[in-house]
PDB file of N, CA and C in Angstrom:
ATOM      1  N   MET A   1       0.836  -1.150   0.000  1.00  0.00           N
ATOM      2  CA  MET A   1       0.000   0.000   0.000  1.00  0.00           C
ATOM      3  C   MET A   1       0.892   1.227   0.000  1.00  0.00           C
ATOM      4  N   HIS A   2       0.465   2.268  -0.689  1.00  0.00           N
ATOM      5  CA  HIS A   2       1.231   3.505  -0.759  1.00  0.00           C
ATOM      6  C   HIS A   2       0.308   4.670  -0.458  1.00  0.00           C
ATOM      7  N   SER A   3       0.774   5.600   0.351  1.00  0.00           N
ATOM      8  CA  SER A   3      -0.025   6.770   0.701  1.00  0.00           C
ATOM      9  C   SER A   3       0.470   7.983  -0.077  1.00  0.00           C
ATOM     10  N   THR A   4      -0.453   8.691  -0.700  1.00  0.00           N
ATOM     11  CA  THR A   4      -0.109   9.957  -1.350  1.00  0.00           C
ATOM     12  C   THR A   4      -0.667  11.125  -0.543  1.00  0.00           C
ATOM     13  N   SER A   5      -1.175  10.822   0.642  1.00  0.00           N
ATOM     14  CA  SER A   5      -1.770  11.830   1.512  1.00  0.00           C
ATOM     15  C   SER A   5      -0.693  12.629   2.242  1.00  0.00           C
ATOM     16  N   ALA A   6      -1.050  13.831   2.658  1.00  0.00           N
ATOM     17  CA  ALA A   6      -0.144  14.665   3.454  1.00  0.00           C
ATOM     18  C   ALA A   6      -0.314  14.392   4.947  1.00  0.00           C
ATOM     19  N   ARG A   7      -1.187  13.442   5.287  1.00  0.00           N
ATOM     20  CA  ARG A   7      -1.402  13.098   6.705  1.00  0.00           C
ATOM     21  C   ARG A   7      -1.395  11.582   6.863  1.00  0.00           C
ATOM     22  N   SER A   8      -1.240  11.129   8.083  1.00  0.00           N
ATOM     23  CA  SER A   8      -1.243   9.693   8.360  1.00  0.00           C
ATOM     24  C   SER A   8      -2.610   9.098   8.063  1.00  0.00           C
ATOM     25  N   LEU A   9      -2.611   7.884   7.539  1.00  0.00           N
ATOM     26  CA  LEU A   9      -3.842   7.173   7.225  1.00  0.00           C
ATOM     27  C   LEU A   9      -3.835   5.806   7.888  1.00  0.00           C
ATOM     28  N   TRP A  10      -5.003   5.332   8.294  1.00  0.00           N
ATOM     29  CA  TRP A  10      -5.159   4.011   8.875  1.00  0.00           C
ATOM     30  C   TRP A  10      -5.761   3.083   7.832  1.00  0.00           C
ATOM     31  N   THR A  11      -5.292   1.839   7.789  1.00  0.00           N
ATOM     32  CA  THR A  11      -5.867   0.836   6.903  1.00  0.00           C
ATOM     33  C   THR A  11      -5.792  -0.523   7.577  1.00  0.00           C
ATOM     34  N   THR A  12      -6.626  -1.436   7.164  1.00  0.00           N
ATOM     35  CA  THR A  12      -6.592  -2.786   7.711  1.00  0.00           C
ATOM     36  C   THR A  12      -6.001  -3.731   6.688  1.00  0.00           C
ATOM     37  N   VAL A  13      -5.277  -4.724   7.185  1.00  0.00           N
ATOM     38  CA  VAL A  13      -4.639  -5.721   6.323  1.00  0.00           C
ATOM     39  C   VAL A  13      -4.777  -7.096   6.956  1.00  0.00           C
ATOM     40  N   GLY A  14      -4.597  -8.115   6.152  1.00  0.00           N
ATOM     41  CA  GLY A  14      -4.592  -9.477   6.656  1.00  0.00           C
ATOM     42  C   GLY A  14      -5.829 -10.257   6.280  1.00  0.00           C
ATOM     43  N   ALA A  15      -5.855 -11.491   6.734  1.00  0.00           N
ATOM     44  CA  ALA A  15      -6.986 -12.387   6.493  1.00  0.00           C
ATOM     45  C   ALA A  15      -7.120 -13.306   7.702  1.00  0.00           C
ATOM     46  N   ALA A  16      -8.341 -13.639   8.033  1.00  0.00           N
ATOM     47  CA  ALA A  16      -8.613 -14.480   9.198  1.00  0.00           C
ATOM     48  C   ALA A  16      -7.804 -15.770   9.139  1.00  0.00           C
ATOM     49  N   GLY A  17      -7.123 -16.071  10.233  1.00  0.00           N
ATOM     50  CA  GLY A  17      -6.381 -17.315  10.351  1.00  0.00           C
ATOM     51  C   GLY A  17      -5.018 -17.350   9.706  1.00  0.00           C
ATOM     52  N   GLU A  18      -4.620 -16.299   9.022  1.00  0.00           N
ATOM     53  CA  GLU A  18      -3.314 -16.296   8.368  1.00  0.00           C
ATOM     54  C   GLU A  18      -2.319 -15.445   9.150  1.00  0.00           C
ATOM     55  N   THR A  19      -1.072 -15.874   9.145  1.00  0.00           N
ATOM     56  CA  THR A  19       0.009 -15.130   9.798  1.00  0.00           C
ATOM     57  C   THR A  19       0.766 -14.356   8.734  1.00  0.00           C
ATOM     58  N   ALA A  20       1.054 -13.102   9.018  1.00  0.00           N
ATOM     59  CA  ALA A  20       1.761 -12.241   8.061  1.00  0.00           C
ATOM     60  C   ALA A  20       2.655 -11.265   8.810  1.00  0.00           C
ATOM     61  N   THR A  21       3.546 -10.629   8.080  1.00  0.00           N
ATOM     62  CA  THR A  21       4.410  -9.587   8.623  1.00  0.00           C
ATOM     63  C   THR A  21       4.147  -8.309   7.858  1.00  0.00           C
ATOM     64  N   VAL A  22       3.978  -7.214   8.576  1.00  0.00           N
ATOM     65  CA  VAL A  22       3.784  -5.912   7.937  1.00  0.00           C
ATOM     66  C   VAL A  22       4.986  -5.036   8.279  1.00  0.00           C
ATOM     67  N   ARG A  23       5.506  -4.381   7.264  1.00  0.00           N
ATOM     68  CA  ARG A  23       6.617  -3.439   7.443  1.00  0.00           C
ATOM     69  C   ARG A  23       6.163  -2.095   6.894  1.00  0.00           C
ATOM     70  N   SER A  24       6.212  -1.073   7.749  1.00  0.00           N
ATOM     71  CA  SER A  24       5.782   0.275   7.361  1.00  0.00           C
ATOM     72  C   SER A  24       6.998   1.164   7.192  1.00  0.00           C
ATOM     73  N   PHE A  25       6.981   1.988   6.145  1.00  0.00           N
ATOM     74  CA  PHE A  25       8.097   2.865   5.819  1.00  0.00           C
ATOM     75  C   PHE A  25       7.600   4.299   5.691  1.00  0.00           C
ATOM     76  N   ASP A  26       8.482   5.252   5.966  1.00  0.00           N
ATOM     77  CA  ASP A  26       8.107   6.657   5.788  1.00  0.00           C
ATOM     78  C   ASP A  26       8.354   7.069   4.340  1.00  0.00           C
ATOM     79  N   ALA A  27       8.107   8.328   4.023  1.00  0.00           N
ATOM     80  CA  ALA A  27       8.238   8.819   2.648  1.00  0.00           C
ATOM     81  C   ALA A  27       9.660   8.701   2.101  1.00  0.00           C
ATOM     82  N   ALA A  28      10.659   8.670   2.987  1.00  0.00           N
ATOM     83  CA  ALA A  28      12.050   8.547   2.555  1.00  0.00           C
ATOM     84  C   ALA A  28      12.485   7.083   2.427  1.00  0.00           C
ATOM     85  N   GLY A  29      11.567   6.151   2.714  1.00  0.00           N
ATOM     86  CA  GLY A  29      11.894   4.738   2.606  1.00  0.00           C
ATOM     87  C   GLY A  29      12.515   4.133   3.845  1.00  0.00           C
ATOM     88  N   ARG A  30      12.503   4.872   4.967  1.00  0.00           N
ATOM     89  CA  ARG A  30      13.056   4.354   6.213  1.00  0.00           C
ATOM     90  C   ARG A  30      12.012   3.503   6.930  1.00  0.00           C
ATOM     91  N   LEU A  31      12.444   2.367   7.467  1.00  0.00           N
ATOM     92  CA  LEU A  31      11.553   1.479   8.197  1.00  0.00           C
ATOM     93  C   LEU A  31      11.061   2.161   9.467  1.00  0.00           C
ATOM     94  N   VAL A  32       9.745   2.211   9.639  1.00  0.00           N
ATOM     95  CA  VAL A  32       9.132   2.840  10.809  1.00  0.00           C
ATOM     96  C   VAL A  32       8.680   1.770  11.799  1.00  0.00           C
ATOM     97  N   GLN A  33       8.118   0.675  11.271  1.00  0.00           N
ATOM     98  CA  GLN A  33       7.605  -0.378  12.138  1.00  0.00           C
ATOM     99  C   GLN A  33       7.600  -1.696  11.390  1.00  0.00           C
ATOM    100  N   SER A  34       7.847  -2.768  12.122  1.00  0.00           N
ATOM    101  CA  SER A  34       7.751  -4.111  11.577  1.00  0.00           C
ATOM    102  C   SER A  34       7.145  -4.994  12.644  1.00  0.00           C
ATOM    103  N   ARG A  35       6.123  -5.766  12.270  1.00  0.00           N
ATOM    104  CA  ARG A  35       5.522  -6.684  13.237  1.00  0.00           C
ATOM    105  C   ARG A  35       4.843  -7.835  12.526  1.00  0.00           C
ATOM    106  N   THR A  36       4.804  -8.953  13.234  1.00  0.00           N
ATOM    107  CA  THR A  36       4.133 -10.142  12.740  1.00  0.00           C
ATOM    108  C   THR A  36       2.810 -10.267  13.473  1.00  0.00           C
ATOM    109  N   PHE A  37       1.775 -10.668  12.758  1.00  0.00           N
ATOM    110  CA  PHE A  37       0.443 -10.770  13.355  1.00  0.00           C
ATOM    111  C   PHE A  37      -0.302 -11.945  12.721  1.00  0.00           C
ATOM    112  N   THR A  38      -1.359 -12.361  13.392  1.00  0.00           N
ATOM    113  CA  THR A  38      -2.246 -13.392  12.854  1.00  0.00           C
ATOM    114  C   THR A  38      -3.638 -12.800  12.750  1.00  0.00           C
ATOM    115  N   GLY A  39      -4.281 -12.985  11.602  1.00  0.00           N
ATOM    116  CA  GLY A  39      -5.627 -12.457  11.401  1.00  0.00           C
ATOM    117  C   GLY A  39      -5.589 -11.115  10.704  1.00  0.00           C
ATOM    118  N   ILE A  40      -6.373 -10.188  11.207  1.00  0.00           N
ATOM    119  CA  ILE A  40      -6.498  -8.855  10.608  1.00  0.00           C
ATOM    120  C   ILE A  40      -5.977  -7.827  11.591  1.00  0.00           C
ATOM    121  N   THR A  41      -5.260  -6.833  11.101  1.00  0.00           N
ATOM    122  CA  THR A  41      -4.714  -5.785  11.969  1.00  0.00           C
ATOM    123  C   THR A  41      -4.822  -4.435  11.276  1.00  0.00           C
ATOM    124  N   THR A  42      -4.624  -3.387  12.048  1.00  0.00           N
ATOM    125  CA  THR A  42      -4.647  -2.024  11.522  1.00  0.00           C
ATOM    126  C   THR A  42      -3.223  -1.514  11.397  1.00  0.00           C
ATOM    127  N   VAL A  43      -2.951  -0.842  10.295  1.00  0.00           N
ATOM    128  CA  VAL A  43      -1.622  -0.291  10.015  1.00  0.00           C
ATOM    129  C   VAL A  43      -1.752   1.207   9.783  1.00  0.00           C
ATOM    130  N   VAL A  44      -0.802   1.982  10.315  1.00  0.00           N
ATOM    131  CA  VAL A  44      -0.760   3.420  10.061  1.00  0.00           C
ATOM    132  C   VAL A  44       0.225   3.676   8.930  1.00  0.00           C
ATOM    133  N   LEU A  45      -0.258   4.294   7.862  1.00  0.00           N
ATOM    134  CA  LEU A  45       0.622   4.698   6.765  1.00  0.00           C
ATOM    135  C   LEU A  45       1.078   6.127   7.020  1.00  0.00           C
ATOM    136  N   GLN A  46       2.371   6.327   7.021  1.00  0.00           N
ATOM    137  CA  GLN A  46       2.934   7.659   7.214  1.00  0.00           C
ATOM    138  C   GLN A  46       2.629   8.530   5.995  1.00  0.00           C
ATOM    139  N   PRO A  47       2.600   9.846   6.153  1.00  0.00           N
ATOM    140  CA  PRO A  47       2.360  10.725   4.995  1.00  0.00           C
ATOM    141  C   PRO A  47       3.384  10.433   3.890  1.00  0.00           C
ATOM    142  N   GLY A  48       2.902  10.057   2.721  1.00  0.00           N
ATOM    143  CA  GLY A  48       3.789   9.733   1.611  1.00  0.00           C
ATOM    144  C   GLY A  48       4.504   8.406   1.759  1.00  0.00           C
ATOM    145  N   GLY A  49       4.204   7.669   2.805  1.00  0.00           N
ATOM    146  CA  GLY A  49       4.887   6.414   3.071  1.00  0.00           C
ATOM    147  C   GLY A  49       4.200   5.224   2.434  1.00  0.00           C
ATOM    148  N   PHE A  50       4.695   4.039   2.780  1.00  0.00           N
ATOM    149  CA  PHE A  50       4.126   2.821   2.227  1.00  0.00           C
ATOM    150  C   PHE A  50       4.295   1.669   3.201  1.00  0.00           C
ATOM    151  N   ALA A  51       3.562   0.608   2.970  1.00  0.00           N
ATOM    152  CA  ALA A  51       3.651  -0.593   3.796  1.00  0.00           C
ATOM    153  C   ALA A  51       3.675  -1.814   2.892  1.00  0.00           C
ATOM    154  N   VAL A  52       4.406  -2.828   3.343  1.00  0.00           N
ATOM    155  CA  VAL A  52       4.507  -4.086   2.609  1.00  0.00           C
ATOM    156  C   VAL A  52       4.063  -5.199   3.557  1.00  0.00           C
ATOM    157  N   VAL A  53       3.140  -6.022   3.089  1.00  0.00           N
ATOM    158  CA  VAL A  53       2.656  -7.153   3.887  1.00  0.00           C
ATOM    159  C   VAL A  53       3.068  -8.430   3.191  1.00  0.00           C
ATOM    160  N   THR A  54       3.710  -9.336   3.945  1.00  0.00           N
ATOM    161  CA  THR A  54       4.091 -10.634   3.401  1.00  0.00           C
ATOM    162  C   THR A  54       3.452 -11.725   4.244  1.00  0.00           C
ATOM    163  N   ARG A  55       2.829 -12.655   3.574  1.00  0.00           N
ATOM    164  CA  ARG A  55       2.179 -13.764   4.269  1.00  0.00           C
ATOM    165  C   ARG A  55       3.216 -14.821   4.602  1.00  0.00           C
ATOM    166  N   GLU A  56       3.105 -15.365   5.797  1.00  0.00           N
ATOM    167  CA  GLU A  56       4.003 -16.434   6.222  1.00  0.00           C
ATOM    168  C   GLU A  56       3.481 -17.741   5.625  1.00  0.00           C
ATOM    169  N   THR A  57       4.363 -18.538   5.094  1.00  0.00           N
ATOM    170  CA  THR A  57       3.960 -19.835   4.567  1.00  0.00           C
ATOM    171  C   THR A  57       4.809 -20.907   5.231  1.00  0.00           C
ATOM    172  N   SER A  58       4.221 -22.047   5.431  1.00  0.00           N
ATOM    173  CA  SER A  58       4.975 -23.162   5.990  1.00  0.00           C
ATOM    174  C   SER A  58       5.265 -24.147   4.866  1.00  0.00           C
ATOM    175  N   VAL A  59       6.422 -24.710   4.921  1.00  0.00           N
ATOM    176  CA  VAL A  59       6.826 -25.675   3.911  1.00  0.00           C
ATOM    177  C   VAL A  59       6.653 -27.065   4.508  1.00  0.00           C
ATOM    178  N   ARG A  60       5.921 -27.887   3.811  1.00  0.00           N
ATOM    179  CA  ARG A  60       5.731 -29.258   4.269  1.00  0.00           C
ATOM    180  C   ARG A  60       6.675 -30.161   3.491  1.00  0.00           C
ATOM    181  N   HIS A  61       7.403 -30.965   4.229  1.00  0.00           N
ATOM    182  CA  HIS A  61       8.308 -31.916   3.591  1.00  0.00           C
ATOM    183  C   HIS A  61       7.568 -33.240   3.466  1.00  0.00           C
ATOM    184  N   LEU A  62       7.408 -33.682   2.251  1.00  0.00           N
ATOM    185  CA  LEU A  62       6.715 -34.936   2.012  1.00  0.00           C
ATOM    186  C   LEU A  62       7.720 -36.070   1.899  1.00  0.00           C
ATOM    187  N   ARG A  63       7.379 -37.161   2.542  1.00  0.00           N
ATOM    188  CA  ARG A  63       8.233 -38.345   2.417  1.00  0.00           C
ATOM    189  C   ARG A  63       7.843 -39.086   1.154  1.00  0.00           C
ATOM    190  N   THR A  64       8.822 -39.446   0.405  1.00  0.00           N
ATOM    191  CA  THR A  64       8.546 -40.195  -0.831  1.00  0.00           C
ATOM    192  C   THR A  64       9.131 -41.584  -0.725  1.00  0.00           C
ATOM    193  N   ARG A  65       8.531 -42.487  -1.441  1.00  0.00           N
ATOM    194  CA  ARG A  65       9.037 -43.853  -1.484  1.00  0.00           C
ATOM    195  C   ARG A  65      10.109 -43.928  -2.563  1.00  0.00           C
ATOM    196  N   GLU A  66      11.161 -44.608  -2.253  1.00  0.00           N
ATOM    197  CA  GLU A  66      12.237 -44.757  -3.237  1.00  0.00           C
ATOM    198  C   GLU A  66      12.161 -46.102  -3.907  1.00  0.00           C
TER     199      GLU A  66
END
């Protein structure tokens, strides 16, 4: 998400039951906040800033027959 506003904006991100990490940056690209959450959360976008949300995925190792 990217903000073109001159003031801070609130937005919600996420999905029920999923774990994700949100990283918020200011207009100069400096990291302001980083946190991991499960479900839905509210994020503050700095004026001219942006946020990146990445979903956590688990890798399942399957046993195969040789």
